[in-house]
Amino acid sequence: MDRPDDLDKVNVPERINLIREALKLDTPPERCYPTEPHGTKGNMKIAKGCNWCPFKQTCYSDANDGEGLRTFKYSKQYIHLTEVVETPRVEEVL
């Protein structure tokens, strides 16, 4: 079984405290997570950890060629896309 080295492991309590402090700020922190692929068409979405952040709209204001995040309503959740290559066939929330 392959186990990660100690240097590869995230210090979870430290990470939680860092994010809690960042949420108290009046200005957005640096992006905490990289974007992730959504599907196979080339669309990119924000990371799960960014979904509840109050700064996501500000933080990603440069997304989609400067238009900002585009949000789509799927059956069980909203997906915030940072790059739309092919428009999803679900309702877009404005």
PDB file of N, CA and C in Angstrom:
ATOM      1  N   MET A   1       0.851  -1.177   0.000  1.00  0.00           N
ATOM      2  CA  MET A   1       0.000   0.000   0.000  1.00  0.00           C
ATOM      3  C   MET A   1       0.896   1.238   0.000  1.00  0.00           C
ATOM      4  N   ASP A   2       0.563   2.190  -0.857  1.00  0.00           N
ATOM      5  CA  ASP A   2       1.332   3.425  -0.954  1.00  0.00           C
ATOM      6  C   ASP A   2       0.785   4.433   0.046  1.00  0.00           C
ATOM      7  N   ARG A   3       1.629   4.922   0.921  1.00  0.00           N
ATOM      8  CA  ARG A   3       1.218   5.905   1.916  1.00  0.00           C
ATOM      9  C   ARG A   3       1.924   7.230   1.639  1.00  0.00           C
ATOM     10  N   PRO A   4       1.228   8.358   1.832  1.00  0.00           N
ATOM     11  CA  PRO A   4       1.870   9.648   1.570  1.00  0.00           C
ATOM     12  C   PRO A   4       2.943   9.950   2.618  1.00  0.00           C
ATOM     13  N   ASP A   5       3.965  10.672   2.174  1.00  0.00           N
ATOM     14  CA  ASP A   5       4.991  11.132   3.100  1.00  0.00           C
ATOM     15  C   ASP A   5       4.392  12.180   4.023  1.00  0.00           C
ATOM     16  N   ASP A   6       5.016  12.403   5.162  1.00  0.00           N
ATOM     17  CA  ASP A   6       4.523  13.418   6.094  1.00  0.00           C
ATOM     18  C   ASP A   6       4.466  14.807   5.448  1.00  0.00           C
ATOM     19  N   LEU A   7       5.368  15.088   4.527  1.00  0.00           N
ATOM     20  CA  LEU A   7       5.370  16.386   3.872  1.00  0.00           C
ATOM     21  C   LEU A   7       4.190  16.550   2.921  1.00  0.00           C
ATOM     22  N   ASP A   8       3.597  15.450   2.463  1.00  0.00           N
ATOM     23  CA  ASP A   8       2.456  15.504   1.559  1.00  0.00           C
ATOM     24  C   ASP A   8       1.125  15.656   2.284  1.00  0.00           C
ATOM     25  N   LYS A   9       1.111  15.393   3.573  1.00  0.00           N
ATOM     26  CA  LYS A   9      -0.133  15.433   4.340  1.00  0.00           C
ATOM     27  C   LYS A   9      -0.497  16.871   4.705  1.00  0.00           C
ATOM     28  N   VAL A  10      -1.788  17.168   4.648  1.00  0.00           N
ATOM     29  CA  VAL A  10      -2.290  18.484   5.022  1.00  0.00           C
ATOM     30  C   VAL A  10      -2.553  18.486   6.525  1.00  0.00           C
ATOM     31  N   ASN A  11      -2.156  19.549   7.198  1.00  0.00           N
ATOM     32  CA  ASN A  11      -2.458  19.713   8.615  1.00  0.00           C
ATOM     33  C   ASN A  11      -3.887  20.263   8.690  1.00  0.00           C
ATOM     34  N   VAL A  12      -4.852  19.373   8.881  1.00  0.00           N
ATOM     35  CA  VAL A  12      -6.270  19.729   8.801  1.00  0.00           C
ATOM     36  C   VAL A  12      -6.664  20.801   9.816  1.00  0.00           C
ATOM     37  N   PRO A  13      -6.335  20.684  11.101  1.00  0.00           N
ATOM     38  CA  PRO A  13      -6.723  21.741  12.042  1.00  0.00           C
ATOM     39  C   PRO A  13      -6.147  23.113  11.661  1.00  0.00           C
ATOM     40  N   GLU A  14      -4.915  23.122  11.193  1.00  0.00           N
ATOM     41  CA  GLU A  14      -4.299  24.384  10.780  1.00  0.00           C
ATOM     42  C   GLU A  14      -5.019  24.962   9.562  1.00  0.00           C
ATOM     43  N   ARG A  15      -5.380  24.098   8.622  1.00  0.00           N
ATOM     44  CA  ARG A  15      -6.084  24.537   7.412  1.00  0.00           C
ATOM     45  C   ARG A  15      -7.460  25.099   7.761  1.00  0.00           C
ATOM     46  N   ILE A  16      -8.173  24.454   8.676  1.00  0.00           N
ATOM     47  CA  ILE A  16      -9.493  24.933   9.106  1.00  0.00           C
ATOM     48  C   ILE A  16      -9.372  26.311   9.736  1.00  0.00           C
ATOM     49  N   ASN A  17      -8.400  26.497  10.606  1.00  0.00           N
ATOM     50  CA  ASN A  17      -8.207  27.794  11.258  1.00  0.00           C
ATOM     51  C   ASN A  17      -7.853  28.882  10.248  1.00  0.00           C
ATOM     52  N   LEU A  18      -7.021  28.548   9.265  1.00  0.00           N
ATOM     53  CA  LEU A  18      -6.650  29.500   8.227  1.00  0.00           C
ATOM     54  C   LEU A  18      -7.883  29.944   7.437  1.00  0.00           C
ATOM     55  N   ILE A  19      -8.734  29.002   7.076  1.00  0.00           N
ATOM     56  CA  ILE A  19      -9.938  29.327   6.305  1.00  0.00           C
ATOM     57  C   ILE A  19     -10.932  30.118   7.146  1.00  0.00           C
ATOM     58  N   ARG A  20     -11.078  29.769   8.421  1.00  0.00           N
ATOM     59  CA  ARG A  20     -11.984  30.533   9.304  1.00  0.00           C
ATOM     60  C   ARG A  20     -11.541  31.988   9.409  1.00  0.00           C
ATOM     61  N   GLU A  21     -10.253  32.213   9.545  1.00  0.00           N
ATOM     62  CA  GLU A  21      -9.728  33.575   9.624  1.00  0.00           C
ATOM     63  C   GLU A  21      -9.949  34.319   8.312  1.00  0.00           C
ATOM     64  N   ALA A  22      -9.768  33.634   7.203  1.00  0.00           N
ATOM     65  CA  ALA A  22      -9.956  34.260   5.896  1.00  0.00           C
ATOM     66  C   ALA A  22     -11.409  34.687   5.699  1.00  0.00           C
ATOM     67  N   LEU A  23     -12.367  33.921   6.208  1.00  0.00           N
ATOM     68  CA  LEU A  23     -13.780  34.256   6.061  1.00  0.00           C
ATOM     69  C   LEU A  23     -14.176  35.488   6.857  1.00  0.00           C
ATOM     70  N   LYS A  24     -13.391  35.856   7.858  1.00  0.00           N
ATOM     71  CA  LYS A  24     -13.671  37.042   8.672  1.00  0.00           C
ATOM     72  C   LYS A  24     -13.188  38.323   8.012  1.00  0.00           C
ATOM     73  N   LEU A  25     -12.378  38.219   6.969  1.00  0.00           N
ATOM     74  CA  LEU A  25     -11.797  39.378   6.304  1.00  0.00           C
ATOM     75  C   LEU A  25     -12.843  40.169   5.531  1.00  0.00           C
ATOM     76  N   ASP A  26     -12.569  41.459   5.320  1.00  0.00           N
ATOM     77  CA  ASP A  26     -13.440  42.300   4.501  1.00  0.00           C
ATOM     78  C   ASP A  26     -13.065  42.225   3.026  1.00  0.00           C
ATOM     79  N   THR A  27     -11.883  41.727   2.752  1.00  0.00           N
ATOM     80  CA  THR A  27     -11.417  41.576   1.372  1.00  0.00           C
ATOM     81  C   THR A  27     -11.115  40.104   1.129  1.00  0.00           C
ATOM     82  N   PRO A  28     -11.212  39.669  -0.122  1.00  0.00           N
ATOM     83  CA  PRO A  28     -10.987  38.242  -0.380  1.00  0.00           C
ATOM     84  C   PRO A  28      -9.542  37.825  -0.124  1.00  0.00           C
ATOM     85  N   PRO A  29      -9.360  36.619   0.389  1.00  0.00           N
ATOM     86  CA  PRO A  29      -8.010  36.076   0.534  1.00  0.00           C
ATOM     87  C   PRO A  29      -7.533  35.580  -0.828  1.00  0.00           C
ATOM     88  N   GLU A  30      -6.296  35.106  -0.893  1.00  0.00           N
ATOM     89  CA  GLU A  30      -5.846  34.466  -2.118  1.00  0.00           C
ATOM     90  C   GLU A  30      -6.702  33.213  -2.315  1.00  0.00           C
ATOM     91  N   ARG A  31      -6.834  32.782  -3.543  1.00  0.00           N
ATOM     92  CA  ARG A  31      -7.654  31.595  -3.808  1.00  0.00           C
ATOM     93  C   ARG A  31      -7.106  30.403  -3.037  1.00  0.00           C
ATOM     94  N   CYS A  32      -7.997  29.732  -2.339  1.00  0.00           N
ATOM     95  CA  CYS A  32      -7.605  28.610  -1.478  1.00  0.00           C
ATOM     96  C   CYS A  32      -7.440  27.302  -2.246  1.00  0.00           C
ATOM     97  N   TYR A  33      -8.163  27.160  -3.337  1.00  0.00           N
ATOM     98  CA  TYR A  33      -8.182  25.897  -4.069  1.00  0.00           C
ATOM     99  C   TYR A  33      -8.086  26.155  -5.571  1.00  0.00           C
ATOM    100  N   PRO A  34      -7.514  25.227  -6.311  1.00  0.00           N
ATOM    101  CA  PRO A  34      -7.528  25.379  -7.779  1.00  0.00           C
ATOM    102  C   PRO A  34      -8.897  24.988  -8.337  1.00  0.00           C
ATOM    103  N   THR A  35      -9.176  25.446  -9.557  1.00  0.00           N
ATOM    104  CA  THR A  35     -10.428  25.049 -10.206  1.00  0.00           C
ATOM    105  C   THR A  35     -10.346  23.578 -10.601  1.00  0.00           C
ATOM    106  N   GLU A  36     -11.517  22.991 -10.863  1.00  0.00           N
ATOM    107  CA  GLU A  36     -11.598  21.561 -11.175  1.00  0.00           C
ATOM    108  C   GLU A  36     -12.366  21.359 -12.476  1.00  0.00           C
ATOM    109  N   PRO A  37     -12.065  20.306 -13.207  1.00  0.00           N
ATOM    110  CA  PRO A  37     -12.855  20.010 -14.407  1.00  0.00           C
ATOM    111  C   PRO A  37     -14.293  19.642 -14.034  1.00  0.00           C
ATOM    112  N   HIS A  38     -15.220  20.048 -14.897  1.00  0.00           N
ATOM    113  CA  HIS A  38     -16.624  19.668 -14.716  1.00  0.00           C
ATOM    114  C   HIS A  38     -17.064  18.978 -15.994  1.00  0.00           C
ATOM    115  N   GLY A  39     -17.166  17.671 -15.944  1.00  0.00           N
ATOM    116  CA  GLY A  39     -17.531  16.901 -17.121  1.00  0.00           C
ATOM    117  C   GLY A  39     -16.332  16.691 -18.034  1.00  0.00           C
ATOM    118  N   THR A  40     -16.624  16.373 -19.283  1.00  0.00           N
ATOM    119  CA  THR A  40     -15.552  16.042 -20.231  1.00  0.00           C
ATOM    120  C   THR A  40     -15.468  17.020 -21.394  1.00  0.00           C
ATOM    121  N   LYS A  41     -16.228  18.087 -21.366  1.00  0.00           N
ATOM    122  CA  LYS A  41     -16.276  19.028 -22.487  1.00  0.00           C
ATOM    123  C   LYS A  41     -15.294  20.188 -22.338  1.00  0.00           C
ATOM    124  N   GLY A  42     -14.550  20.252 -21.235  1.00  0.00           N
ATOM    125  CA  GLY A  42     -13.587  21.332 -21.024  1.00  0.00           C
ATOM    126  C   GLY A  42     -14.038  22.411 -20.066  1.00  0.00           C
ATOM    127  N   ASN A  43     -15.267  22.314 -19.553  1.00  0.00           N
ATOM    128  CA  ASN A  43     -15.729  23.293 -18.572  1.00  0.00           C
ATOM    129  C   ASN A  43     -14.964  23.131 -17.266  1.00  0.00           C
ATOM    130  N   MET A  44     -14.747  24.253 -16.570  1.00  0.00           N
ATOM    131  CA  MET A  44     -14.054  24.240 -15.284  1.00  0.00           C
ATOM    132  C   MET A  44     -14.970  24.853 -14.230  1.00  0.00           C
ATOM    133  N   LYS A  45     -14.920  24.305 -13.015  1.00  0.00           N
ATOM    134  CA  LYS A  45     -15.765  24.798 -11.923  1.00  0.00           C
ATOM    135  C   LYS A  45     -14.896  25.153 -10.722  1.00  0.00           C
ATOM    136  N   ILE A  46     -15.493  25.907  -9.785  1.00  0.00           N
ATOM    137  CA  ILE A  46     -14.774  26.210  -8.555  1.00  0.00           C
ATOM    138  C   ILE A  46     -14.706  24.949  -7.706  1.00  0.00           C
ATOM    139  N   ALA A  47     -13.741  24.896  -6.825  1.00  0.00           N
ATOM    140  CA  ALA A  47     -13.582  23.746  -5.947  1.00  0.00           C
ATOM    141  C   ALA A  47     -14.710  23.698  -4.921  1.00  0.00           C
ATOM    142  N   LYS A  48     -14.962  22.533  -4.399  1.00  0.00           N
ATOM    143  CA  LYS A  48     -16.028  22.331  -3.408  1.00  0.00           C
ATOM    144  C   LYS A  48     -15.862  23.278  -2.219  1.00  0.00           C
ATOM    145  N   GLY A  49     -14.618  23.495  -1.802  1.00  0.00           N
ATOM    146  CA  GLY A  49     -14.349  24.366  -0.660  1.00  0.00           C
ATOM    147  C   GLY A  49     -14.686  25.827  -0.899  1.00  0.00           C
ATOM    148  N   CYS A  50     -14.848  26.229  -2.153  1.00  0.00           N
ATOM    149  CA  CYS A  50     -15.177  27.618  -2.492  1.00  0.00           C
ATOM    150  C   CYS A  50     -16.691  27.870  -2.559  1.00  0.00           C
ATOM    151  N   ASN A  51     -17.491  26.819  -2.606  1.00  0.00           N
ATOM    152  CA  ASN A  51     -18.938  26.982  -2.800  1.00  0.00           C
ATOM    153  C   ASN A  51     -19.602  27.876  -1.765  1.00  0.00           C
ATOM    154  N   TRP A  52     -19.195  27.818  -0.516  1.00  0.00           N
ATOM    155  CA  TRP A  52     -19.852  28.578   0.541  1.00  0.00           C
ATOM    156  C   TRP A  52     -19.132  29.874   0.875  1.00  0.00           C
ATOM    157  N   CYS A  53     -18.035  30.159   0.204  1.00  0.00           N
ATOM    158  CA  CYS A  53     -17.251  31.362   0.481  1.00  0.00           C
ATOM    159  C   CYS A  53     -18.012  32.605   0.024  1.00  0.00           C
ATOM    160  N   PRO A  54     -18.128  33.609   0.879  1.00  0.00           N
ATOM    161  CA  PRO A  54     -18.838  34.825   0.475  1.00  0.00           C
ATOM    162  C   PRO A  54     -18.075  35.642  -0.562  1.00  0.00           C
ATOM    163  N   PHE A  55     -16.814  35.322  -0.806  1.00  0.00           N
ATOM    164  CA  PHE A  55     -16.003  36.073  -1.755  1.00  0.00           C
ATOM    165  C   PHE A  55     -15.917  35.438  -3.134  1.00  0.00           C
ATOM    166  N   LYS A  56     -16.628  34.340  -3.389  1.00  0.00           N
ATOM    167  CA  LYS A  56     -16.442  33.616  -4.645  1.00  0.00           C
ATOM    168  C   LYS A  56     -16.721  34.486  -5.865  1.00  0.00           C
ATOM    169  N   GLN A  57     -17.732  35.337  -5.824  1.00  0.00           N
ATOM    170  CA  GLN A  57     -18.035  36.199  -6.973  1.00  0.00           C
ATOM    171  C   GLN A  57     -16.917  37.218  -7.201  1.00  0.00           C
ATOM    172  N   THR A  58     -16.393  37.772  -6.129  1.00  0.00           N
ATOM    173  CA  THR A  58     -15.294  38.739  -6.233  1.00  0.00           C
ATOM    174  C   THR A  58     -14.011  38.043  -6.653  1.00  0.00           C
ATOM    175  N   CYS A  59     -13.729  36.924  -6.020  1.00  0.00           N
ATOM    176  CA  CYS A  59     -12.499  36.185  -6.259  1.00  0.00           C
ATOM    177  C   CYS A  59     -12.396  35.725  -7.717  1.00  0.00           C
ATOM    178  N   TYR A  60     -13.509  35.363  -8.293  1.00  0.00           N
ATOM    179  CA  TYR A  60     -13.528  34.861  -9.667  1.00  0.00           C
ATOM    180  C   TYR A  60     -14.165  35.864 -10.634  1.00  0.00           C
ATOM    181  N   SER A  61     -14.036  37.152 -10.349  1.00  0.00           N
ATOM    182  CA  SER A  61     -14.627  38.168 -11.232  1.00  0.00           C
ATOM    183  C   SER A  61     -13.963  38.171 -12.610  1.00  0.00           C
ATOM    184  N   ASP A  62     -12.757  37.613 -12.699  1.00  0.00           N
ATOM    185  CA  ASP A  62     -12.052  37.540 -13.983  1.00  0.00           C
ATOM    186  C   ASP A  62     -12.383  36.279 -14.776  1.00  0.00           C
ATOM    187  N   ALA A  63     -13.209  35.407 -14.209  1.00  0.00           N
ATOM    188  CA  ALA A  63     -13.551  34.139 -14.868  1.00  0.00           C
ATOM    189  C   ALA A  63     -14.389  34.396 -16.124  1.00  0.00           C
ATOM    190  N   ASN A  64     -14.428  33.408 -16.996  1.00  0.00           N
ATOM    191  CA  ASN A  64     -15.238  33.483 -18.221  1.00  0.00           C
ATOM    192  C   ASN A  64     -14.949  34.755 -19.018  1.00  0.00           C
ATOM    193  N   ASP A  65     -13.671  34.993 -19.253  1.00  0.00           N
ATOM    194  CA  ASP A  65     -13.226  36.162 -20.030  1.00  0.00           C
ATOM    195  C   ASP A  65     -13.729  37.476 -19.444  1.00  0.00           C
ATOM    196  N   GLY A  66     -13.701  37.587 -18.117  1.00  0.00           N
ATOM    197  CA  GLY A  66     -14.075  38.824 -17.446  1.00  0.00           C
ATOM    198  C   GLY A  66     -15.544  38.960 -17.109  1.00  0.00           C
ATOM    199  N   GLU A  67     -16.357  37.986 -17.476  1.00  0.00           N
ATOM    200  CA  GLU A  67     -17.794  38.039 -17.166  1.00  0.00           C
ATOM    201  C   GLU A  67     -18.090  37.579 -15.746  1.00  0.00           C
ATOM    202  N   GLY A  68     -17.178  36.890 -15.116  1.00  0.00           N
ATOM    203  CA  GLY A  68     -17.390  36.363 -13.772  1.00  0.00           C
ATOM    204  C   GLY A  68     -17.932  34.948 -13.806  1.00  0.00           C
ATOM    205  N   LEU A  69     -18.264  34.438 -12.645  1.00  0.00           N
ATOM    206  CA  LEU A  69     -18.787  33.074 -12.542  1.00  0.00           C
ATOM    207  C   LEU A  69     -20.126  32.948 -13.268  1.00  0.00           C
ATOM    208  N   ARG A  70     -20.332  31.810 -13.877  1.00  0.00           N
ATOM    209  CA  ARG A  70     -21.636  31.466 -14.433  1.00  0.00           C
ATOM    210  C   ARG A  70     -22.158  30.291 -13.617  1.00  0.00           C
ATOM    211  N   THR A  71     -23.381  30.427 -13.118  1.00  0.00           N
ATOM    212  CA  THR A  71     -23.957  29.426 -12.231  1.00  0.00           C
ATOM    213  C   THR A  71     -25.078  28.685 -12.933  1.00  0.00           C
ATOM    214  N   PHE A  72     -25.026  27.360 -12.826  1.00  0.00           N
ATOM    215  CA  PHE A  72     -26.018  26.494 -13.462  1.00  0.00           C
ATOM    216  C   PHE A  72     -26.704  25.645 -12.406  1.00  0.00           C
ATOM    217  N   LYS A  73     -28.033  25.496 -12.560  1.00  0.00           N
ATOM    218  CA  LYS A  73     -28.845  24.766 -11.597  1.00  0.00           C
ATOM    219  C   LYS A  73     -29.026  23.326 -12.063  1.00  0.00           C
ATOM    220  N   TYR A  74     -28.314  22.428 -11.379  1.00  0.00           N
ATOM    221  CA  TYR A  74     -28.481  20.996 -11.639  1.00  0.00           C
ATOM    222  C   TYR A  74     -29.540  20.478 -10.663  1.00  0.00           C
ATOM    223  N   SER A  75     -29.962  19.239 -10.797  1.00  0.00           N
ATOM    224  CA  SER A  75     -31.069  18.721  -9.986  1.00  0.00           C
ATOM    225  C   SER A  75     -30.795  18.762  -8.488  1.00  0.00           C
ATOM    226  N   LYS A  76     -29.550  18.576  -8.074  1.00  0.00           N
ATOM    227  CA  LYS A  76     -29.256  18.518  -6.640  1.00  0.00           C
ATOM    228  C   LYS A  76     -28.351  19.636  -6.140  1.00  0.00           C
ATOM    229  N   GLN A  77     -27.824  20.456  -7.048  1.00  0.00           N
ATOM    230  CA  GLN A  77     -26.898  21.496  -6.609  1.00  0.00           C
ATOM    231  C   GLN A  77     -26.692  22.554  -7.678  1.00  0.00           C
ATOM    232  N   TYR A  78     -26.127  23.675  -7.258  1.00  0.00           N
ATOM    233  CA  TYR A  78     -25.706  24.713  -8.181  1.00  0.00           C
ATOM    234  C   TYR A  78     -24.225  24.496  -8.469  1.00  0.00           C
ATOM    235  N   ILE A  79     -23.832  24.652  -9.721  1.00  0.00           N
ATOM    236  CA  ILE A  79     -22.438  24.520 -10.126  1.00  0.00           C
ATOM    237  C   ILE A  79     -21.981  25.882 -10.634  1.00  0.00           C
ATOM    238  N   HIS A  80     -20.889  26.386 -10.076  1.00  0.00           N
ATOM    239  CA  HIS A  80     -20.325  27.676 -10.453  1.00  0.00           C
ATOM    240  C   HIS A  80     -19.152  27.422 -11.395  1.00  0.00           C
ATOM    241  N   LEU A  81     -19.318  27.802 -12.663  1.00  0.00           N
ATOM    242  CA  LEU A  81     -18.296  27.543 -13.660  1.00  0.00           C
ATOM    243  C   LEU A  81     -17.402  28.764 -13.869  1.00  0.00           C
ATOM    244  N   THR A  82     -16.094  28.505 -13.908  1.00  0.00           N
ATOM    245  CA  THR A  82     -15.120  29.559 -14.154  1.00  0.00           C
ATOM    246  C   THR A  82     -14.755  29.645 -15.625  1.00  0.00           C
ATOM    247  N   GLU A  83     -14.981  28.566 -16.352  1.00  0.00           N
ATOM    248  CA  GLU A  83     -14.717  28.542 -17.785  1.00  0.00           C
ATOM    249  C   GLU A  83     -15.767  27.668 -18.456  1.00  0.00           C
ATOM    250  N   VAL A  84     -16.525  28.267 -19.355  1.00  0.00           N
ATOM    251  CA  VAL A  84     -17.565  27.536 -20.063  1.00  0.00           C
ATOM    252  C   VAL A  84     -17.118  27.351 -21.513  1.00  0.00           C
ATOM    253  N   VAL A  85     -16.782  26.134 -21.859  1.00  0.00           N
ATOM    254  CA  VAL A  85     -16.415  25.783 -23.226  1.00  0.00           C
ATOM    255  C   VAL A  85     -17.674  25.377 -23.978  1.00  0.00           C
ATOM    256  N   GLU A  86     -18.491  24.548 -23.338  1.00  0.00           N
ATOM    257  CA  GLU A  86     -19.776  24.142 -23.896  1.00  0.00           C
ATOM    258  C   GLU A  86     -20.845  24.405 -22.846  1.00  0.00           C
ATOM    259  N   THR A  87     -21.852  25.186 -23.200  1.00  0.00           N
ATOM    260  CA  THR A  87     -22.903  25.556 -22.260  1.00  0.00           C
ATOM    261  C   THR A  87     -23.683  24.321 -21.832  1.00  0.00           C
ATOM    262  N   PRO A  88     -23.806  24.097 -20.512  1.00  0.00           N
ATOM    263  CA  PRO A  88     -24.580  22.947 -20.030  1.00  0.00           C
ATOM    264  C   PRO A  88     -26.049  23.061 -20.431  1.00  0.00           C
ATOM    265  N   ARG A  89     -26.705  21.917 -20.562  1.00  0.00           N
ATOM    266  CA  ARG A  89     -28.118  21.883 -20.946  1.00  0.00           C
ATOM    267  C   ARG A  89     -29.019  21.888 -19.727  1.00  0.00           C
ATOM    268  N   VAL A  90     -28.737  22.784 -18.798  1.00  0.00           N
ATOM    269  CA  VAL A  90     -29.575  22.998 -17.625  1.00  0.00           C
ATOM    270  C   VAL A  90     -29.785  24.506 -17.486  1.00  0.00           C
ATOM    271  N   GLU A  91     -30.684  24.888 -16.594  1.00  0.00           N
ATOM    272  CA  GLU A  91     -31.001  26.306 -16.400  1.00  0.00           C
ATOM    273  C   GLU A  91     -29.798  27.067 -15.845  1.00  0.00           C
ATOM    274  N   GLU A  92     -29.522  28.219 -16.446  1.00  0.00           N
ATOM    275  CA  GLU A  92     -28.486  29.105 -15.908  1.00  0.00           C
ATOM    276  C   GLU A  92     -29.137  30.081 -14.959  1.00  0.00           C
ATOM    277  N   VAL A  93     -28.548  30.243 -13.787  1.00  0.00           N
ATOM    278  CA  VAL A  93     -29.068  31.142 -12.769  1.00  0.00           C
ATOM    279  C   VAL A  93     -28.326  32.467 -12.897  1.00  0.00           C
ATOM    280  N   LEU A  94     -29.078  33.531 -13.083  1.00  0.00           N
ATOM    281  CA  LEU A  94     -28.456  34.855 -13.262  1.00  0.00           C
ATOM    282  C   LEU A  94     -28.403  35.627 -11.988  1.00  0.00           C
TER     283      LEU A  94
END
